[in-house]
Amino acid sequence: MTKQVPIARAFSRGKAFIPFFTCGDPDLGTTAHIIRAAGRAGADLIEFGVPFSDPTAEGPVIQASSERALRGGATTDKIFEMIGQVRPDLECPFVIMTYANVVFSYGPERFARRCAEVGVSGVILPDVPFEEKAEFEGALAVHNVDLISLIAPTSEDRIEAIARAARGFLYVVSSMGVTGMRSNITTDVGAIVKKIRSVTDTPCAIGFGISSPEQAARMGALSDGVIVGSALVSRIHELAAAGKGAEQIAADIAGRVSELKGALG
């Protein structure tokens, strides 16, 4: 059994920077290098993307990344093994982002048990509606793994209901639609965060569409942290396609993590 780091630790020292990486793109060995480098560069919590063949919440960058990882042989078992290998090297909490089918096919109880064994503290399932989360949440809770809820622009009553039941942290979706880099974020996320804070002390981090230090600073000022995925995943692919090795890719991504973390003040 490997240590599970409480998610609260990510938010205990100011604004949290949370990078997302697709496991196995370009390969699991490179992913491990990137994770270690990102953690040492200041990531406060790391999201591990377990690829799925039909990732409905993802934009083209992460969809393509998932396809490459699956073609390269990244399986759920191999990903758990890789997470277990990097866990002792880092102090920040780990969270998995994947889809209901991945958990169902693996078996919810077995999936939850493996999360605990390799030191994963939370799971994000973007295709599971709030009303249907109980069957997953129960299995995860037995193993002290939080099911992280997403809050998208919706009615105040629904935001309040999701916020009251939140565990770990709340993933606030900055833009309707799929993940991806955006030049402008038009949703009034400030109002969503204000509503959340009126009913819970659970931290909230904003994701979907954040790619630049300027956007990170703006969203960080409104919330407890920011999540960046597509911009990092895109850069990893760009470097891998140019023939860069694991160490070079990890060093480049560490620089970007440091810059984005620094933008949060």
C-alpha atoms as a PDB file:
ATOM      1  CA  MET A   1       0.000   0.000   0.000  1.00  0.00           C
ATOM      2  CA  THR A   2       1.384   3.401  -1.030  1.00  0.00           C
ATOM      3  CA  LYS A   3       0.554   6.618   0.806  1.00  0.00           C
ATOM      4  CA  GLN A   4      -2.550   8.587  -0.178  1.00  0.00           C
ATOM      5  CA  VAL A   5      -1.864  12.314   0.188  1.00  0.00           C
ATOM      6  CA  PRO A   6      -4.953  14.282   1.327  1.00  0.00           C
ATOM      7  CA  ILE A   7      -6.331  16.491  -1.448  1.00  0.00           C
ATOM      8  CA  ALA A   8      -6.606  19.344   1.062  1.00  0.00           C
ATOM      9  CA  ARG A   9      -2.808  19.575   1.075  1.00  0.00           C
ATOM     10  CA  ALA A  10      -2.884  20.905  -2.509  1.00  0.00           C
ATOM     11  CA  PHE A  11      -4.828  23.956  -1.355  1.00  0.00           C
ATOM     12  CA  SER A  12      -3.060  24.534   1.964  1.00  0.00           C
ATOM     13  CA  ARG A  13      -0.266  26.787   0.664  1.00  0.00           C
ATOM     14  CA  GLY A  14      -2.042  29.347  -1.478  1.00  0.00           C
ATOM     15  CA  LYS A  15      -3.493  28.897  -4.952  1.00  0.00           C
ATOM     16  CA  ALA A  16      -3.163  25.367  -6.333  1.00  0.00           C
ATOM     17  CA  PHE A  17      -1.737  24.652  -9.767  1.00  0.00           C
ATOM     18  CA  ILE A  18      -3.092  21.384 -11.191  1.00  0.00           C
ATOM     19  CA  PRO A  19      -1.668  19.978 -14.447  1.00  0.00           C
ATOM     20  CA  PHE A  20      -3.369  17.190 -16.415  1.00  0.00           C
ATOM     21  CA  PHE A  21      -1.399  14.623 -18.409  1.00  0.00           C
ATOM     22  CA  THR A  22      -2.612  11.762 -20.610  1.00  0.00           C
ATOM     23  CA  CYS A  23      -0.927   8.615 -19.334  1.00  0.00           C
ATOM     24  CA  GLY A  24       0.967   6.827 -22.098  1.00  0.00           C
ATOM     25  CA  ASP A  25       1.347   9.690 -24.568  1.00  0.00           C
ATOM     26  CA  PRO A  26       3.930   9.348 -26.021  1.00  0.00           C
ATOM     27  CA  ASP A  27       4.629   6.352 -23.737  1.00  0.00           C
ATOM     28  CA  LEU A  28       4.333   5.491 -20.050  1.00  0.00           C
ATOM     29  CA  GLY A  29       8.055   5.874 -19.380  1.00  0.00           C
ATOM     30  CA  THR A  30       7.964   9.445 -20.658  1.00  0.00           C
ATOM     31  CA  THR A  31       4.789  10.135 -18.675  1.00  0.00           C
ATOM     32  CA  ALA A  32       6.589   9.057 -15.494  1.00  0.00           C
ATOM     33  CA  HIS A  33       9.468  11.465 -16.244  1.00  0.00           C
ATOM     34  CA  ILE A  34       6.978  14.287 -16.895  1.00  0.00           C
ATOM     35  CA  ILE A  35       5.030  13.615 -13.681  1.00  0.00           C
ATOM     36  CA  ARG A  36       8.158  13.676 -11.538  1.00  0.00           C
ATOM     37  CA  ALA A  37       9.386  16.869 -13.209  1.00  0.00           C
ATOM     38  CA  ALA A  38       5.987  18.569 -12.874  1.00  0.00           C
ATOM     39  CA  GLY A  39       5.784  17.704  -9.185  1.00  0.00           C
ATOM     40  CA  ARG A  40       9.257  19.061  -8.529  1.00  0.00           C
ATOM     41  CA  ALA A  41       8.467  22.216 -10.530  1.00  0.00           C
ATOM     42  CA  GLY A  42       5.630  23.154  -8.206  1.00  0.00           C
ATOM     43  CA  ALA A  43       2.486  21.252  -9.234  1.00  0.00           C
ATOM     44  CA  ASP A  44       0.229  21.125  -6.169  1.00  0.00           C
ATOM     45  CA  LEU A  45      -1.919  18.227  -7.396  1.00  0.00           C
ATOM     46  CA  ILE A  46      -1.516  16.092 -10.525  1.00  0.00           C
ATOM     47  CA  GLU A  47      -4.328  14.744 -12.708  1.00  0.00           C
ATOM     48  CA  PHE A  48      -3.574  11.460 -14.445  1.00  0.00           C
ATOM     49  CA  GLY A  49      -5.692  10.969 -17.559  1.00  0.00           C
ATOM     50  CA  VAL A  50      -6.547   7.294 -18.050  1.00  0.00           C
ATOM     51  CA  PRO A  51      -7.347   7.133 -21.778  1.00  0.00           C
ATOM     52  CA  PHE A  52     -10.698   5.982 -23.119  1.00  0.00           C
ATOM     53  CA  SER A  53     -11.686   5.385 -26.736  1.00  0.00           C
ATOM     54  CA  ASP A  54     -14.616   7.834 -26.627  1.00  0.00           C
ATOM     55  CA  PRO A  55     -13.704  10.686 -24.241  1.00  0.00           C
ATOM     56  CA  THR A  56     -16.864  12.783 -24.592  1.00  0.00           C
ATOM     57  CA  ALA A  57     -15.727  15.731 -22.433  1.00  0.00           C
ATOM     58  CA  GLU A  58     -12.465  16.170 -24.279  1.00  0.00           C
ATOM     59  CA  GLY A  59     -11.596  18.421 -27.177  1.00  0.00           C
ATOM     60  CA  PRO A  60      -9.483  17.339 -30.172  1.00  0.00           C
ATOM     61  CA  VAL A  61      -6.105  17.678 -28.404  1.00  0.00           C
ATOM     62  CA  ILE A  62      -6.856  15.266 -25.564  1.00  0.00           C
ATOM     63  CA  GLN A  63      -8.940  12.969 -27.789  1.00  0.00           C
ATOM     64  CA  ALA A  64      -5.971  12.551 -30.123  1.00  0.00           C
ATOM     65  CA  SER A  65      -3.667  12.093 -27.131  1.00  0.00           C
ATOM     66  CA  SER A  66      -5.914   9.342 -25.729  1.00  0.00           C
ATOM     67  CA  GLU A  67      -5.950   7.577 -29.096  1.00  0.00           C
ATOM     68  CA  ARG A  68      -2.147   7.659 -29.293  1.00  0.00           C
ATOM     69  CA  ALA A  69      -1.844   6.297 -25.745  1.00  0.00           C
ATOM     70  CA  LEU A  70      -4.269   3.451 -26.439  1.00  0.00           C
ATOM     71  CA  ARG A  71      -2.522   2.585 -29.717  1.00  0.00           C
ATOM     72  CA  GLY A  72       0.749   2.544 -27.797  1.00  0.00           C
ATOM     73  CA  GLY A  73      -0.590  -0.066 -25.388  1.00  0.00           C
ATOM     74  CA  ALA A  74      -1.446   2.028 -22.321  1.00  0.00           C
ATOM     75  CA  THR A  75      -3.811  -0.125 -20.262  1.00  0.00           C
ATOM     76  CA  THR A  76      -5.435   0.691 -16.938  1.00  0.00           C
ATOM     77  CA  ASP A  77      -3.257  -1.911 -15.197  1.00  0.00           C
ATOM     78  CA  LYS A  78      -0.047  -0.502 -16.680  1.00  0.00           C
ATOM     79  CA  ILE A  79      -1.093   3.026 -15.705  1.00  0.00           C
ATOM     80  CA  PHE A  80      -1.759   1.996 -12.109  1.00  0.00           C
ATOM     81  CA  GLU A  81       1.682   0.372 -12.056  1.00  0.00           C
ATOM     82  CA  MET A  82       3.321   3.575 -13.348  1.00  0.00           C
ATOM     83  CA  ILE A  83       1.471   5.723 -10.784  1.00  0.00           C
ATOM     84  CA  GLY A  84       2.667   3.417  -8.017  1.00  0.00           C
ATOM     85  CA  GLN A  85       6.256   3.841  -9.218  1.00  0.00           C
ATOM     86  CA  VAL A  86       6.200   7.667  -9.159  1.00  0.00           C
ATOM     87  CA  ARG A  87       4.107   8.046  -5.990  1.00  0.00           C
ATOM     88  CA  PRO A  88       7.020   7.687  -3.504  1.00  0.00           C
ATOM     89  CA  ASP A  89       8.953  10.460  -5.283  1.00  0.00           C
ATOM     90  CA  LEU A  90       6.387  13.250  -4.840  1.00  0.00           C
ATOM     91  CA  GLU A  91       4.496  14.857  -1.961  1.00  0.00           C
ATOM     92  CA  CYS A  92       1.513  16.262  -3.902  1.00  0.00           C
ATOM     93  CA  PRO A  93      -1.848  14.462  -4.118  1.00  0.00           C
ATOM     94  CA  PHE A  94      -2.717  12.390  -7.212  1.00  0.00           C
ATOM     95  CA  VAL A  95      -6.128  12.267  -8.921  1.00  0.00           C
ATOM     96  CA  ILE A  96      -7.273  10.146 -11.876  1.00  0.00           C
ATOM     97  CA  MET A  97      -9.537  11.539 -14.597  1.00  0.00           C
ATOM     98  CA  THR A  98     -11.256   8.925 -16.726  1.00  0.00           C
ATOM     99  CA  TYR A  99     -14.691   7.722 -17.857  1.00  0.00           C
ATOM    100  CA  ALA A 100     -17.420   5.519 -16.407  1.00  0.00           C
ATOM    101  CA  ASN A 101     -16.813   2.725 -18.927  1.00  0.00           C
ATOM    102  CA  VAL A 102     -13.183   2.420 -17.853  1.00  0.00           C
ATOM    103  CA  VAL A 103     -14.243   1.973 -14.226  1.00  0.00           C
ATOM    104  CA  PHE A 104     -17.124  -0.381 -15.110  1.00  0.00           C
ATOM    105  CA  SER A 105     -14.970  -2.624 -17.286  1.00  0.00           C
ATOM    106  CA  TYR A 106     -12.259  -2.778 -14.604  1.00  0.00           C
ATOM    107  CA  GLY A 107     -14.816  -3.244 -11.831  1.00  0.00           C
ATOM    108  CA  PRO A 108     -15.656  -0.300  -9.524  1.00  0.00           C
ATOM    109  CA  GLU A 109     -14.476  -1.996  -6.317  1.00  0.00           C
ATOM    110  CA  ARG A 110     -11.270  -3.261  -7.916  1.00  0.00           C
ATOM    111  CA  PHE A 111     -10.622   0.162  -9.473  1.00  0.00           C
ATOM    112  CA  ALA A 112     -11.093   1.871  -6.104  1.00  0.00           C
ATOM    113  CA  ARG A 113      -8.826  -0.634  -4.379  1.00  0.00           C
ATOM    114  CA  ARG A 114      -6.059  -0.125  -6.955  1.00  0.00           C
ATOM    115  CA  CYS A 115      -6.369   3.656  -6.549  1.00  0.00           C
ATOM    116  CA  ALA A 116      -5.729   3.295  -2.828  1.00  0.00           C
ATOM    117  CA  GLU A 117      -2.885   0.814  -3.345  1.00  0.00           C
ATOM    118  CA  VAL A 118      -0.936   3.173  -5.624  1.00  0.00           C
ATOM    119  CA  GLY A 119      -1.680   6.348  -3.657  1.00  0.00           C
ATOM    120  CA  VAL A 120      -4.449   7.998  -5.685  1.00  0.00           C
ATOM    121  CA  SER A 121      -6.644  10.277  -3.555  1.00  0.00           C
ATOM    122  CA  GLY A 122      -9.456  11.172  -5.961  1.00  0.00           C
ATOM    123  CA  VAL A 123     -11.219  10.267  -9.199  1.00  0.00           C
ATOM    124  CA  ILE A 124     -12.935  12.548 -11.728  1.00  0.00           C
ATOM    125  CA  LEU A 125     -15.571  11.001 -14.022  1.00  0.00           C
ATOM    126  CA  PRO A 126     -16.833  13.792 -16.309  1.00  0.00           C
ATOM    127  CA  ASP A 127     -19.489  11.629 -17.987  1.00  0.00           C
ATOM    128  CA  VAL A 128     -21.220  10.625 -14.737  1.00  0.00           C
ATOM    129  CA  PRO A 129     -24.068  13.014 -13.837  1.00  0.00           C
ATOM    130  CA  PHE A 130     -24.344  14.176 -10.236  1.00  0.00           C
ATOM    131  CA  GLU A 131     -27.558  12.165  -9.808  1.00  0.00           C
ATOM    132  CA  GLU A 132     -25.828   8.914 -10.852  1.00  0.00           C
ATOM    133  CA  LYS A 133     -22.618   9.172  -8.851  1.00  0.00           C
ATOM    134  CA  ALA A 134     -23.682   7.048  -5.867  1.00  0.00           C
ATOM    135  CA  GLU A 135     -22.629   3.676  -7.282  1.00  0.00           C
ATOM    136  CA  PHE A 136     -19.110   4.974  -7.948  1.00  0.00           C
ATOM    137  CA  GLU A 137     -18.850   7.116  -4.831  1.00  0.00           C
ATOM    138  CA  GLY A 138     -19.675   4.224  -2.524  1.00  0.00           C
ATOM    139  CA  ALA A 139     -16.942   1.963  -3.903  1.00  0.00           C
ATOM    140  CA  LEU A 140     -14.375   4.771  -3.830  1.00  0.00           C
ATOM    141  CA  ALA A 141     -15.252   5.953  -0.311  1.00  0.00           C
ATOM    142  CA  VAL A 142     -14.531   2.499   1.130  1.00  0.00           C
ATOM    143  CA  HIS A 143     -10.921   3.010   0.030  1.00  0.00           C
ATOM    144  CA  ASN A 144     -10.692   6.670   1.095  1.00  0.00           C
ATOM    145  CA  VAL A 145     -10.790   7.922  -2.507  1.00  0.00           C
ATOM    146  CA  ASP A 146     -12.847  11.057  -3.195  1.00  0.00           C
ATOM    147  CA  LEU A 147     -15.150  11.276  -6.210  1.00  0.00           C
ATOM    148  CA  ILE A 148     -14.525  14.807  -7.464  1.00  0.00           C
ATOM    149  CA  SER A 149     -17.614  16.608  -8.771  1.00  0.00           C
ATOM    150  CA  LEU A 150     -17.674  18.941 -11.755  1.00  0.00           C
ATOM    151  CA  ILE A 151     -19.789  22.089 -11.744  1.00  0.00           C
ATOM    152  CA  ALA A 152     -20.667  23.612 -15.101  1.00  0.00           C
ATOM    153  CA  PRO A 153     -22.735  26.758 -15.700  1.00  0.00           C
ATOM    154  CA  THR A 154     -26.202  25.688 -14.538  1.00  0.00           C
ATOM    155  CA  SER A 155     -28.999  26.735 -12.181  1.00  0.00           C
ATOM    156  CA  GLU A 156     -28.153  28.101  -8.726  1.00  0.00           C
ATOM    157  CA  ASP A 157     -30.098  25.281  -7.069  1.00  0.00           C
ATOM    158  CA  ARG A 158     -28.068  22.652  -8.906  1.00  0.00           C
ATOM    159  CA  ILE A 159     -24.763  24.386  -8.157  1.00  0.00           C
ATOM    160  CA  GLU A 160     -25.762  24.480  -4.487  1.00  0.00           C
ATOM    161  CA  ALA A 161     -26.727  20.782  -4.413  1.00  0.00           C
ATOM    162  CA  ILE A 162     -23.457  19.677  -6.042  1.00  0.00           C
ATOM    163  CA  ALA A 163     -21.385  21.960  -3.818  1.00  0.00           C
ATOM    164  CA  ARG A 164     -23.003  20.723  -0.598  1.00  0.00           C
ATOM    165  CA  ALA A 165     -22.161  17.104  -1.472  1.00  0.00           C
ATOM    166  CA  ALA A 166     -18.614  17.826  -2.674  1.00  0.00           C
ATOM    167  CA  ARG A 167     -15.595  15.812  -1.584  1.00  0.00           C
ATOM    168  CA  GLY A 168     -11.932  16.651  -2.152  1.00  0.00           C
ATOM    169  CA  PHE A 169     -12.336  19.688  -4.366  1.00  0.00           C
ATOM    170  CA  LEU A 170     -14.818  21.031  -6.887  1.00  0.00           C
ATOM    171  CA  TYR A 171     -13.837  21.134 -10.552  1.00  0.00           C
ATOM    172  CA  VAL A 172     -15.450  24.294 -11.933  1.00  0.00           C
ATOM    173  CA  VAL A 173     -15.904  24.128 -15.702  1.00  0.00           C
ATOM    174  CA  SER A 174     -15.013  27.537 -17.138  1.00  0.00           C
ATOM    175  CA  SER A 175     -16.686  27.015 -20.512  1.00  0.00           C
ATOM    176  CA  MET A 176     -19.543  24.915 -21.804  1.00  0.00           C
ATOM    177  CA  GLY A 177     -18.455  22.255 -24.268  1.00  0.00           C
ATOM    178  CA  VAL A 178     -15.279  20.192 -24.336  1.00  0.00           C
ATOM    179  CA  THR A 179     -11.773  20.739 -22.995  1.00  0.00           C
ATOM    180  CA  GLY A 180      -9.300  22.723 -25.051  1.00  0.00           C
ATOM    181  CA  MET A 181      -7.362  25.948 -25.319  1.00  0.00           C
ATOM    182  CA  ARG A 182      -9.429  29.132 -25.626  1.00  0.00           C
ATOM    183  CA  SER A 183      -8.401  32.718 -26.169  1.00  0.00           C
ATOM    184  CA  ASN A 184     -11.376  33.984 -24.166  1.00  0.00           C
ATOM    185  CA  ILE A 185     -13.362  32.523 -21.287  1.00  0.00           C
ATOM    186  CA  THR A 186     -16.827  34.025 -21.330  1.00  0.00           C
ATOM    187  CA  THR A 187     -18.632  32.106 -18.577  1.00  0.00           C
ATOM    188  CA  ASP A 188     -19.205  34.090 -15.385  1.00  0.00           C
ATOM    189  CA  VAL A 189     -17.137  31.697 -13.305  1.00  0.00           C
ATOM    190  CA  GLY A 190     -16.827  34.307 -10.574  1.00  0.00           C
ATOM    191  CA  ALA A 191     -20.555  34.051  -9.895  1.00  0.00           C
ATOM    192  CA  ILE A 192     -20.357  30.241  -9.821  1.00  0.00           C
ATOM    193  CA  VAL A 193     -17.464  30.304  -7.340  1.00  0.00           C
ATOM    194  CA  LYS A 194     -19.280  32.864  -5.175  1.00  0.00           C
ATOM    195  CA  LYS A 195     -22.324  30.586  -5.026  1.00  0.00           C
ATOM    196  CA  ILE A 196     -20.158  27.577  -4.168  1.00  0.00           C
ATOM    197  CA  ARG A 197     -18.459  29.467  -1.353  1.00  0.00           C
ATOM    198  CA  SER A 198     -21.810  30.445   0.111  1.00  0.00           C
ATOM    199  CA  VAL A 199     -22.568  26.786   0.876  1.00  0.00           C
ATOM    200  CA  THR A 200     -19.246  24.952   1.334  1.00  0.00           C
ATOM    201  CA  ASP A 201     -15.612  25.380   2.374  1.00  0.00           C
ATOM    202  CA  THR A 202     -14.531  22.708  -0.129  1.00  0.00           C
ATOM    203  CA  PRO A 203     -11.892  24.270  -2.414  1.00  0.00           C
ATOM    204  CA  CYS A 204     -12.752  24.904  -6.045  1.00  0.00           C
ATOM    205  CA  ALA A 205     -10.396  24.857  -9.026  1.00  0.00           C
ATOM    206  CA  ILE A 206     -11.230  26.176 -12.481  1.00  0.00           C
ATOM    207  CA  GLY A 207     -10.461  24.161 -15.610  1.00  0.00           C
ATOM    208  CA  PHE A 208     -11.382  23.765 -19.309  1.00  0.00           C
ATOM    209  CA  GLY A 209      -9.759  26.315 -21.607  1.00  0.00           C
ATOM    210  CA  ILE A 210      -6.906  27.719 -19.523  1.00  0.00           C
ATOM    211  CA  SER A 211      -3.630  27.795 -21.446  1.00  0.00           C
ATOM    212  CA  SER A 212      -1.640  30.955 -20.695  1.00  0.00           C
ATOM    213  CA  PRO A 213      -0.112  32.389 -17.503  1.00  0.00           C
ATOM    214  CA  GLU A 214      -2.402  35.421 -17.952  1.00  0.00           C
ATOM    215  CA  GLN A 215      -5.528  33.236 -18.015  1.00  0.00           C
ATOM    216  CA  ALA A 216      -4.221  31.223 -15.066  1.00  0.00           C
ATOM    217  CA  ALA A 217      -3.690  34.413 -13.051  1.00  0.00           C
ATOM    218  CA  ARG A 218      -7.178  35.682 -13.904  1.00  0.00           C
ATOM    219  CA  MET A 219      -8.923  32.407 -13.030  1.00  0.00           C
ATOM    220  CA  GLY A 220      -6.735  31.888  -9.965  1.00  0.00           C
ATOM    221  CA  ALA A 221      -7.808  35.260  -8.601  1.00  0.00           C
ATOM    222  CA  LEU A 222     -11.411  34.010  -8.655  1.00  0.00           C
ATOM    223  CA  SER A 223     -10.861  30.540  -7.195  1.00  0.00           C
ATOM    224  CA  ASP A 224      -8.622  28.291  -5.099  1.00  0.00           C
ATOM    225  CA  GLY A 225      -6.700  26.880  -8.053  1.00  0.00           C
ATOM    226  CA  VAL A 226      -6.478  26.305 -11.792  1.00  0.00           C
ATOM    227  CA  ILE A 227      -6.290  23.200 -13.975  1.00  0.00           C
ATOM    228  CA  VAL A 228      -4.328  23.159 -17.244  1.00  0.00           C
ATOM    229  CA  GLY A 229      -4.508  20.156 -19.563  1.00  0.00           C
ATOM    230  CA  SER A 230      -4.737  20.668 -23.324  1.00  0.00           C
ATOM    231  CA  ALA A 231      -1.926  23.235 -23.516  1.00  0.00           C
ATOM    232  CA  LEU A 232       0.488  20.844 -21.781  1.00  0.00           C
ATOM    233  CA  VAL A 233      -0.694  17.753 -23.673  1.00  0.00           C
ATOM    234  CA  SER A 234      -0.323  19.623 -26.973  1.00  0.00           C
ATOM    235  CA  ARG A 235       3.232  20.677 -26.100  1.00  0.00           C
ATOM    236  CA  ILE A 236       4.206  17.127 -25.127  1.00  0.00           C
ATOM    237  CA  HIS A 237       3.011  15.838 -28.510  1.00  0.00           C
ATOM    238  CA  GLU A 238       4.807  18.640 -30.342  1.00  0.00           C
ATOM    239  CA  LEU A 239       8.089  17.757 -28.620  1.00  0.00           C
ATOM    240  CA  ALA A 240       7.660  13.997 -29.057  1.00  0.00           C
ATOM    241  CA  ALA A 241       6.842  14.456 -32.756  1.00  0.00           C
ATOM    242  CA  ALA A 242      10.056  16.479 -33.106  1.00  0.00           C
ATOM    243  CA  GLY A 243      12.029  13.526 -31.768  1.00  0.00           C
ATOM    244  CA  LYS A 244      12.756  14.888 -28.290  1.00  0.00           C
ATOM    245  CA  GLY A 245      13.500  12.343 -25.578  1.00  0.00           C
ATOM    246  CA  ALA A 246      11.826  11.859 -22.212  1.00  0.00           C
ATOM    247  CA  GLU A 247      14.309  14.030 -20.301  1.00  0.00           C
ATOM    248  CA  GLN A 248      14.005  16.927 -22.752  1.00  0.00           C
ATOM    249  CA  ILE A 249      10.208  16.744 -22.774  1.00  0.00           C
ATOM    250  CA  ALA A 250      10.062  16.589 -18.976  1.00  0.00           C
ATOM    251  CA  ALA A 251      12.393  19.586 -18.628  1.00  0.00           C
ATOM    252  CA  ASP A 252      10.309  21.667 -21.048  1.00  0.00           C
ATOM    253  CA  ILE A 253       7.049  20.807 -19.287  1.00  0.00           C
ATOM    254  CA  ALA A 254       8.616  21.529 -15.888  1.00  0.00           C
ATOM    255  CA  GLY A 255       9.429  25.030 -17.129  1.00  0.00           C
ATOM    256  CA  ARG A 256       5.832  25.559 -18.208  1.00  0.00           C
ATOM    257  CA  VAL A 257       4.483  24.221 -14.914  1.00  0.00           C
ATOM    258  CA  SER A 258       6.782  26.583 -13.021  1.00  0.00           C
ATOM    259  CA  GLU A 259       5.638  29.537 -15.140  1.00  0.00           C
ATOM    260  CA  LEU A 260       1.936  28.740 -14.715  1.00  0.00           C
ATOM    261  CA  LYS A 261       2.328  28.114 -10.984  1.00  0.00           C
ATOM    262  CA  GLY A 262       4.229  31.391 -10.676  1.00  0.00           C
ATOM    263  CA  ALA A 263       1.379  33.259 -12.354  1.00  0.00           C
ATOM    264  CA  LEU A 264      -0.879  32.334  -9.427  1.00  0.00           C
ATOM    265  CA  GLY A 265       1.204  34.474  -7.072  1.00  0.00           C
END
